[in-house]
Amino acid sequence: MNARPHILVVDDARDIREPLARYLEKQGFRVDHAADAAAARKALAVGAYHLVVLDVMMPGEDGLSLCRYLRETANLPVILLTAMAEETDRIVGLELGADDYVTKPFSPRELSARIKAVLRRAQAMPAAPSVLEDDAVRFDRWTLRVARRELEDAAGVAVPLSTGEFNLLCAFLNRPGVVLSRDQLLDLTKGREATPFDRSIDNQVSRLRRKIEDDPKNPALIKTVWGGGYVFAAEPSPA
């Protein structure tokens, strides 16, 4: 089996698509390229890819539509190429599940570094089950109302969660019993907003423990793994 990561570059601009493919080949990737979403769909149907570099603004089906299709049909990392001024496209793309984005004009070297970083995260990240597809998830004495982003205790009393606490709890519920490093939790909760040496995960864990643990100083649900990160010890189930 060829160990080189296989990349699909999708961009309608030939003067971007072809030089980028040649550059990435020199960086050790296998690269195919497509001029539009229709050609990309054909390539995806027959090729085994590790990541897609996807331009947002294309004639016909745009990159956001193709990104949505990839999220619905394949667990395939996506990096979006967006215009500098199109902040809305970047936000929508990330909401659709894109793993990263690079704004045009971009440095091929930067894009190559981002591809390598996304691939490292994808390979290291434990696979997530689908427990959060249910509207309500129960763990220990708590129930998380996913759509409403509300946490309820055994008596049905709501406990408010910040956005960061909700995202962190979802990351744990999706991977019970799995040791998650701080970097992995940052990727799951903050994505590209995370910064090097970001210690916000420790703060978020402390705040979440104060809300769900009987004794936050001796946690039974979110346990620290020294040198490793954290592990969620409860078993979630549909409520």
C-alpha atoms as a PDB file:
ATOM      1  CA  MET A   1       0.000   0.000   0.000  1.00  0.00           C
ATOM      2  CA  ASN A   2       1.261   3.498  -0.870  1.00  0.00           C
ATOM      3  CA  ALA A   3       1.897   5.369   2.380  1.00  0.00           C
ATOM      4  CA  ARG A   4       1.785   8.823   0.813  1.00  0.00           C
ATOM      5  CA  PRO A   5      -1.420  10.723   1.698  1.00  0.00           C
ATOM      6  CA  HIS A   6      -3.750  11.046  -1.281  1.00  0.00           C
ATOM      7  CA  ILE A   7      -5.141  14.578  -1.737  1.00  0.00           C
ATOM      8  CA  LEU A   8      -7.911  15.838  -4.022  1.00  0.00           C
ATOM      9  CA  VAL A   9      -7.649  19.520  -5.002  1.00  0.00           C
ATOM     10  CA  VAL A  10     -10.909  21.022  -6.291  1.00  0.00           C
ATOM     11  CA  ASP A  11     -10.671  24.505  -7.838  1.00  0.00           C
ATOM     12  CA  ASP A  12     -12.075  25.939 -11.061  1.00  0.00           C
ATOM     13  CA  ALA A  13      -9.019  28.184 -11.556  1.00  0.00           C
ATOM     14  CA  ARG A  14      -6.505  26.198 -13.590  1.00  0.00           C
ATOM     15  CA  ASP A  15      -3.667  28.595 -12.728  1.00  0.00           C
ATOM     16  CA  ILE A  16      -4.205  27.759  -9.050  1.00  0.00           C
ATOM     17  CA  ARG A  17      -5.196  24.113  -9.302  1.00  0.00           C
ATOM     18  CA  GLU A  18      -2.363  22.734 -11.399  1.00  0.00           C
ATOM     19  CA  PRO A  19       0.609  24.568  -9.801  1.00  0.00           C
ATOM     20  CA  LEU A  20      -0.767  23.689  -6.356  1.00  0.00           C
ATOM     21  CA  ALA A  21      -1.014  20.029  -7.318  1.00  0.00           C
ATOM     22  CA  ARG A  22       2.607  20.051  -8.537  1.00  0.00           C
ATOM     23  CA  TYR A  23       3.783  21.747  -5.337  1.00  0.00           C
ATOM     24  CA  LEU A  24       1.978  19.271  -3.101  1.00  0.00           C
ATOM     25  CA  GLU A  25       3.424  16.382  -5.115  1.00  0.00           C
ATOM     26  CA  LYS A  26       6.894  17.732  -4.313  1.00  0.00           C
ATOM     27  CA  GLN A  27       5.900  17.818  -0.624  1.00  0.00           C
ATOM     28  CA  GLY A  28       5.304  14.068  -0.659  1.00  0.00           C
ATOM     29  CA  PHE A  29       1.562  13.873  -1.372  1.00  0.00           C
ATOM     30  CA  ARG A  30      -0.219  12.006  -4.132  1.00  0.00           C
ATOM     31  CA  VAL A  31      -2.507  14.551  -5.760  1.00  0.00           C
ATOM     32  CA  ASP A  32      -5.489  14.457  -8.097  1.00  0.00           C
ATOM     33  CA  HIS A  33      -7.310  17.620  -9.112  1.00  0.00           C
ATOM     34  CA  ALA A  34     -10.759  18.525 -10.382  1.00  0.00           C
ATOM     35  CA  ALA A  35     -12.094  21.677 -12.010  1.00  0.00           C
ATOM     36  CA  ASP A  36     -15.584  21.591 -10.501  1.00  0.00           C
ATOM     37  CA  ALA A  37     -17.854  19.736  -8.095  1.00  0.00           C
ATOM     38  CA  ALA A  38     -19.119  17.343 -10.761  1.00  0.00           C
ATOM     39  CA  ALA A  39     -15.581  16.201 -11.598  1.00  0.00           C
ATOM     40  CA  ALA A  40     -14.789  15.988  -7.888  1.00  0.00           C
ATOM     41  CA  ARG A  41     -17.780  13.716  -7.257  1.00  0.00           C
ATOM     42  CA  LYS A  42     -16.601  11.378 -10.032  1.00  0.00           C
ATOM     43  CA  ALA A  43     -13.088  11.295  -8.572  1.00  0.00           C
ATOM     44  CA  LEU A  44     -14.423  10.653  -5.074  1.00  0.00           C
ATOM     45  CA  ALA A  45     -16.523   7.756  -6.355  1.00  0.00           C
ATOM     46  CA  VAL A  46     -13.483   5.847  -7.594  1.00  0.00           C
ATOM     47  CA  GLY A  47     -10.539   7.160  -5.562  1.00  0.00           C
ATOM     48  CA  ALA A  48      -9.523   6.635  -1.933  1.00  0.00           C
ATOM     49  CA  TYR A  49      -8.542  10.046  -0.601  1.00  0.00           C
ATOM     50  CA  HIS A  50      -7.214  11.180   2.753  1.00  0.00           C
ATOM     51  CA  LEU A  51      -8.196  14.873   2.439  1.00  0.00           C
ATOM     52  CA  VAL A  52      -9.919  17.315   0.080  1.00  0.00           C
ATOM     53  CA  VAL A  53      -8.735  20.870  -0.602  1.00  0.00           C
ATOM     54  CA  LEU A  54     -11.889  22.606  -1.768  1.00  0.00           C
ATOM     55  CA  ASP A  55     -12.465  26.027  -3.308  1.00  0.00           C
ATOM     56  CA  VAL A  56     -15.679  27.664  -2.106  1.00  0.00           C
ATOM     57  CA  MET A  57     -16.454  29.874  -5.123  1.00  0.00           C
ATOM     58  CA  MET A  58     -16.971  27.663  -8.156  1.00  0.00           C
ATOM     59  CA  PRO A  59     -19.457  27.806 -11.040  1.00  0.00           C
ATOM     60  CA  GLY A  60     -22.329  25.355 -10.790  1.00  0.00           C
ATOM     61  CA  GLU A  61     -22.327  23.517  -7.495  1.00  0.00           C
ATOM     62  CA  ASP A  62     -20.227  25.546  -5.058  1.00  0.00           C
ATOM     63  CA  GLY A  63     -17.722  24.295  -2.517  1.00  0.00           C
ATOM     64  CA  LEU A  64     -20.044  24.675   0.458  1.00  0.00           C
ATOM     65  CA  SER A  65     -22.574  22.334  -1.159  1.00  0.00           C
ATOM     66  CA  LEU A  66     -19.850  19.788  -1.885  1.00  0.00           C
ATOM     67  CA  CYS A  67     -18.530  20.152   1.669  1.00  0.00           C
ATOM     68  CA  ARG A  68     -22.016  19.372   2.986  1.00  0.00           C
ATOM     69  CA  TYR A  69     -22.160  16.300   0.743  1.00  0.00           C
ATOM     70  CA  LEU A  70     -18.778  15.090   2.021  1.00  0.00           C
ATOM     71  CA  ARG A  71     -19.883  15.486   5.624  1.00  0.00           C
ATOM     72  CA  GLU A  72     -23.056  13.506   4.953  1.00  0.00           C
ATOM     73  CA  THR A  73     -21.398  10.673   3.043  1.00  0.00           C
ATOM     74  CA  ALA A  74     -17.759  10.339   4.152  1.00  0.00           C
ATOM     75  CA  ASN A  75     -15.510  10.919   7.130  1.00  0.00           C
ATOM     76  CA  LEU A  76     -13.048  12.857   5.006  1.00  0.00           C
ATOM     77  CA  PRO A  77     -11.129  15.951   6.206  1.00  0.00           C
ATOM     78  CA  VAL A  78     -11.797  19.130   4.223  1.00  0.00           C
ATOM     79  CA  ILE A  79      -9.766  22.331   3.949  1.00  0.00           C
ATOM     80  CA  LEU A  80     -11.612  25.214   2.301  1.00  0.00           C
ATOM     81  CA  LEU A  81     -10.065  27.834   0.040  1.00  0.00           C
ATOM     82  CA  THR A  82     -11.984  31.073   0.544  1.00  0.00           C
ATOM     83  CA  ALA A  83     -11.781  34.650  -0.714  1.00  0.00           C
ATOM     84  CA  MET A  84     -10.248  37.086   1.747  1.00  0.00           C
ATOM     85  CA  ALA A  85     -13.446  39.143   2.035  1.00  0.00           C
ATOM     86  CA  GLU A  86     -15.938  36.268   2.314  1.00  0.00           C
ATOM     87  CA  GLU A  87     -16.113  35.809   6.086  1.00  0.00           C
ATOM     88  CA  THR A  88     -19.617  34.347   5.810  1.00  0.00           C
ATOM     89  CA  ASP A  89     -18.337  31.508   3.611  1.00  0.00           C
ATOM     90  CA  ARG A  90     -15.660  30.662   6.157  1.00  0.00           C
ATOM     91  CA  ILE A  91     -18.145  30.627   9.023  1.00  0.00           C
ATOM     92  CA  VAL A  92     -20.685  28.536   7.105  1.00  0.00           C
ATOM     93  CA  GLY A  93     -17.954  26.162   5.975  1.00  0.00           C
ATOM     94  CA  LEU A  94     -16.786  25.554   9.531  1.00  0.00           C
ATOM     95  CA  GLU A  95     -20.381  25.060  10.650  1.00  0.00           C
ATOM     96  CA  LEU A  96     -20.778  22.447   7.894  1.00  0.00           C
ATOM     97  CA  GLY A  97     -17.811  20.574   9.327  1.00  0.00           C
ATOM     98  CA  ALA A  98     -14.785  21.800   7.367  1.00  0.00           C
ATOM     99  CA  ASP A  99     -11.602  21.087   9.299  1.00  0.00           C
ATOM    100  CA  ASP A 100      -9.762  24.277   8.359  1.00  0.00           C
ATOM    101  CA  TYR A 101      -9.662  27.079   5.810  1.00  0.00           C
ATOM    102  CA  VAL A 102      -7.048  29.119   3.960  1.00  0.00           C
ATOM    103  CA  THR A 103      -7.799  32.511   2.455  1.00  0.00           C
ATOM    104  CA  LYS A 104      -6.803  33.472  -1.089  1.00  0.00           C
ATOM    105  CA  PRO A 105      -4.209  34.527  -2.050  1.00  0.00           C
ATOM    106  CA  PHE A 106      -2.443  31.877   0.017  1.00  0.00           C
ATOM    107  CA  SER A 107       1.029  30.481   0.471  1.00  0.00           C
ATOM    108  CA  PRO A 108       1.354  26.892  -0.830  1.00  0.00           C
ATOM    109  CA  ARG A 109       3.776  26.303   2.035  1.00  0.00           C
ATOM    110  CA  GLU A 110       1.150  27.359   4.580  1.00  0.00           C
ATOM    111  CA  LEU A 111      -1.480  25.166   2.928  1.00  0.00           C
ATOM    112  CA  SER A 112       0.891  22.188   2.955  1.00  0.00           C
ATOM    113  CA  ALA A 113       1.513  22.742   6.684  1.00  0.00           C
ATOM    114  CA  ARG A 114      -2.221  22.924   7.365  1.00  0.00           C
ATOM    115  CA  ILE A 115      -2.837  19.727   5.375  1.00  0.00           C
ATOM    116  CA  LYS A 116      -0.207  17.916   7.447  1.00  0.00           C
ATOM    117  CA  ALA A 117      -1.702  19.256  10.699  1.00  0.00           C
ATOM    118  CA  VAL A 118      -5.253  18.211   9.758  1.00  0.00           C
ATOM    119  CA  LEU A 119      -4.057  14.752   8.721  1.00  0.00           C
ATOM    120  CA  ARG A 120      -2.189  14.326  12.024  1.00  0.00           C
ATOM    121  CA  ARG A 121      -5.318  15.249  13.962  1.00  0.00           C
ATOM    122  CA  ALA A 122      -7.503  12.965  11.855  1.00  0.00           C
ATOM    123  CA  GLN A 123      -5.183  10.006  12.393  1.00  0.00           C
ATOM    124  CA  ALA A 124      -4.821  10.605  16.136  1.00  0.00           C
ATOM    125  CA  MET A 125      -8.463  11.382  16.920  1.00  0.00           C
ATOM    126  CA  PRO A 126     -10.514   8.474  18.290  1.00  0.00           C
ATOM    127  CA  ALA A 127     -13.625   7.756  16.249  1.00  0.00           C
ATOM    128  CA  ALA A 128     -16.841   9.119  17.724  1.00  0.00           C
ATOM    129  CA  PRO A 129     -20.069   7.137  18.116  1.00  0.00           C
ATOM    130  CA  SER A 130     -23.439   8.690  17.314  1.00  0.00           C
ATOM    131  CA  VAL A 131     -24.899   9.084  20.824  1.00  0.00           C
ATOM    132  CA  LEU A 132     -25.428  12.821  20.321  1.00  0.00           C
ATOM    133  CA  GLU A 133     -27.718  12.190  17.365  1.00  0.00           C
ATOM    134  CA  ASP A 134     -30.388  11.623  20.029  1.00  0.00           C
ATOM    135  CA  ASP A 135     -32.185  14.692  21.335  1.00  0.00           C
ATOM    136  CA  ALA A 136     -31.493  13.746  24.952  1.00  0.00           C
ATOM    137  CA  VAL A 137     -28.524  11.874  26.415  1.00  0.00           C
ATOM    138  CA  ARG A 138     -28.388  10.507  29.973  1.00  0.00           C
ATOM    139  CA  PHE A 139     -25.235   9.983  32.012  1.00  0.00           C
ATOM    140  CA  ASP A 140     -24.912   9.422  35.737  1.00  0.00           C
ATOM    141  CA  ARG A 141     -27.729  11.535  37.252  1.00  0.00           C
ATOM    142  CA  TRP A 142     -27.759  14.061  34.418  1.00  0.00           C
ATOM    143  CA  THR A 143     -29.652  14.501  31.160  1.00  0.00           C
ATOM    144  CA  LEU A 144     -28.298  16.657  28.342  1.00  0.00           C
ATOM    145  CA  ARG A 145     -30.993  18.124  26.075  1.00  0.00           C
ATOM    146  CA  VAL A 146     -28.840  18.368  22.968  1.00  0.00           C
ATOM    147  CA  ALA A 147     -31.005  20.534  20.705  1.00  0.00           C
ATOM    148  CA  ARG A 148     -31.739  22.993  23.527  1.00  0.00           C
ATOM    149  CA  ARG A 149     -28.191  22.809  24.918  1.00  0.00           C
ATOM    150  CA  GLU A 150     -29.613  22.347  28.403  1.00  0.00           C
ATOM    151  CA  LEU A 151     -28.349  20.154  31.211  1.00  0.00           C
ATOM    152  CA  GLU A 152     -30.898  18.809  33.708  1.00  0.00           C
ATOM    153  CA  ASP A 153     -30.319  17.116  37.041  1.00  0.00           C
ATOM    154  CA  ALA A 154     -32.313  14.136  38.337  1.00  0.00           C
ATOM    155  CA  ALA A 155     -35.094  16.450  39.519  1.00  0.00           C
ATOM    156  CA  GLY A 156     -35.397  18.104  36.105  1.00  0.00           C
ATOM    157  CA  VAL A 157     -33.783  21.350  37.243  1.00  0.00           C
ATOM    158  CA  ALA A 158     -31.825  23.012  34.442  1.00  0.00           C
ATOM    159  CA  VAL A 159     -28.157  23.853  34.974  1.00  0.00           C
ATOM    160  CA  PRO A 160     -26.842  26.521  32.567  1.00  0.00           C
ATOM    161  CA  LEU A 161     -23.872  25.666  30.372  1.00  0.00           C
ATOM    162  CA  SER A 162     -21.646  28.103  28.508  1.00  0.00           C
ATOM    163  CA  THR A 163     -20.867  27.359  24.859  1.00  0.00           C
ATOM    164  CA  GLY A 164     -17.421  26.120  25.850  1.00  0.00           C
ATOM    165  CA  GLU A 165     -18.799  23.857  28.576  1.00  0.00           C
ATOM    166  CA  PHE A 166     -21.445  22.437  26.225  1.00  0.00           C
ATOM    167  CA  ASN A 167     -18.869  21.708  23.508  1.00  0.00           C
ATOM    168  CA  LEU A 168     -16.546  20.081  26.036  1.00  0.00           C
ATOM    169  CA  LEU A 169     -19.306  17.924  27.492  1.00  0.00           C
ATOM    170  CA  CYS A 170     -20.303  16.804  23.982  1.00  0.00           C
ATOM    171  CA  ALA A 171     -16.692  15.867  23.234  1.00  0.00           C
ATOM    172  CA  PHE A 172     -16.610  13.684  26.348  1.00  0.00           C
ATOM    173  CA  LEU A 173     -20.030  12.137  25.726  1.00  0.00           C
ATOM    174  CA  ASN A 174     -18.986  11.183  22.200  1.00  0.00           C
ATOM    175  CA  ARG A 175     -15.892   9.356  23.464  1.00  0.00           C
ATOM    176  CA  PRO A 176     -16.547   7.772  26.878  1.00  0.00           C
ATOM    177  CA  GLY A 177     -13.669   5.792  28.322  1.00  0.00           C
ATOM    178  CA  VAL A 178     -11.190   7.251  25.812  1.00  0.00           C
ATOM    179  CA  VAL A 179      -8.205   9.246  27.053  1.00  0.00           C
ATOM    180  CA  LEU A 180      -8.301  12.609  25.252  1.00  0.00           C
ATOM    181  CA  SER A 181      -5.240  14.830  25.256  1.00  0.00           C
ATOM    182  CA  ARG A 182      -5.551  18.577  25.727  1.00  0.00           C
ATOM    183  CA  ASP A 183      -4.687  19.088  22.048  1.00  0.00           C
ATOM    184  CA  GLN A 184      -7.437  16.706  20.975  1.00  0.00           C
ATOM    185  CA  LEU A 185      -9.958  18.434  23.221  1.00  0.00           C
ATOM    186  CA  LEU A 186      -8.900  21.792  21.802  1.00  0.00           C
ATOM    187  CA  ASP A 187      -9.477  20.468  18.275  1.00  0.00           C
ATOM    188  CA  LEU A 188     -12.885  19.086  19.251  1.00  0.00           C
ATOM    189  CA  THR A 189     -14.055  22.226  21.023  1.00  0.00           C
ATOM    190  CA  LYS A 190     -12.239  25.166  19.436  1.00  0.00           C
ATOM    191  CA  GLY A 191     -10.756  24.011  16.124  1.00  0.00           C
ATOM    192  CA  ARG A 192      -8.536  26.575  14.440  1.00  0.00           C
ATOM    193  CA  GLU A 193      -9.275  29.171  17.158  1.00  0.00           C
ATOM    194  CA  ALA A 194      -7.002  27.226  19.502  1.00  0.00           C
ATOM    195  CA  THR A 195      -3.582  28.748  20.073  1.00  0.00           C
ATOM    196  CA  PRO A 196      -0.289  27.102  21.058  1.00  0.00           C
ATOM    197  CA  PHE A 197       0.007  26.557  24.824  1.00  0.00           C
ATOM    198  CA  ASP A 198      -3.721  27.211  25.204  1.00  0.00           C
ATOM    199  CA  ARG A 199      -4.677  26.205  28.754  1.00  0.00           C
ATOM    200  CA  SER A 200      -8.369  27.010  28.390  1.00  0.00           C
ATOM    201  CA  ILE A 201      -9.249  23.289  28.360  1.00  0.00           C
ATOM    202  CA  ASP A 202      -8.048  22.932  31.948  1.00  0.00           C
ATOM    203  CA  ASN A 203     -10.191  25.907  32.949  1.00  0.00           C
ATOM    204  CA  GLN A 204     -13.228  24.544  31.102  1.00  0.00           C
ATOM    205  CA  VAL A 205     -12.791  21.130  32.709  1.00  0.00           C
ATOM    206  CA  SER A 206     -12.631  22.741  36.149  1.00  0.00           C
ATOM    207  CA  ARG A 207     -15.810  24.730  35.532  1.00  0.00           C
ATOM    208  CA  LEU A 208     -17.649  21.701  34.104  1.00  0.00           C
ATOM    209  CA  ARG A 209     -16.586  19.571  37.066  1.00  0.00           C
ATOM    210  CA  ARG A 210     -18.029  22.122  39.466  1.00  0.00           C
ATOM    211  CA  LYS A 211     -21.385  21.708  37.732  1.00  0.00           C
ATOM    212  CA  ILE A 212     -21.640  17.929  37.279  1.00  0.00           C
ATOM    213  CA  GLU A 213     -19.421  16.328  39.929  1.00  0.00           C
ATOM    214  CA  ASP A 214     -20.604  15.552  43.464  1.00  0.00           C
ATOM    215  CA  ASP A 215     -17.086  16.385  44.663  1.00  0.00           C
ATOM    216  CA  PRO A 216     -15.156  18.432  42.076  1.00  0.00           C
ATOM    217  CA  LYS A 217     -11.905  17.929  44.004  1.00  0.00           C
ATOM    218  CA  ASN A 218     -12.286  14.156  43.698  1.00  0.00           C
ATOM    219  CA  PRO A 219     -14.008  13.829  40.303  1.00  0.00           C
ATOM    220  CA  ALA A 220     -15.747  10.596  39.393  1.00  0.00           C
ATOM    221  CA  LEU A 221     -16.995  11.574  35.915  1.00  0.00           C
ATOM    222  CA  ILE A 222     -14.151  13.566  34.329  1.00  0.00           C
ATOM    223  CA  LYS A 223     -10.930  11.995  35.501  1.00  0.00           C
ATOM    224  CA  THR A 224      -7.426  13.346  34.993  1.00  0.00           C
ATOM    225  CA  VAL A 225      -4.924  11.024  33.346  1.00  0.00           C
ATOM    226  CA  TRP A 226      -1.537  12.328  34.412  1.00  0.00           C
ATOM    227  CA  GLY A 227       0.593  13.077  31.368  1.00  0.00           C
ATOM    228  CA  GLY A 228      -2.266  12.075  29.079  1.00  0.00           C
ATOM    229  CA  GLY A 229      -5.221  14.407  29.458  1.00  0.00           C
ATOM    230  CA  TYR A 230      -8.734  13.522  30.594  1.00  0.00           C
ATOM    231  CA  VAL A 231     -11.131  10.590  30.374  1.00  0.00           C
ATOM    232  CA  PHE A 232     -14.917  10.563  30.754  1.00  0.00           C
ATOM    233  CA  ALA A 233     -15.783   7.695  33.086  1.00  0.00           C
ATOM    234  CA  ALA A 234     -19.601   7.663  32.774  1.00  0.00           C
ATOM    235  CA  GLU A 235     -21.425   5.667  30.087  1.00  0.00           C
ATOM    236  CA  PRO A 236     -23.910   7.823  28.135  1.00  0.00           C
ATOM    237  CA  SER A 237     -27.173   6.431  26.776  1.00  0.00           C
ATOM    238  CA  PRO A 238     -30.231   7.827  24.952  1.00  0.00           C
ATOM    239  CA  ALA A 239     -32.657   9.333  27.447  1.00  0.00           C
END
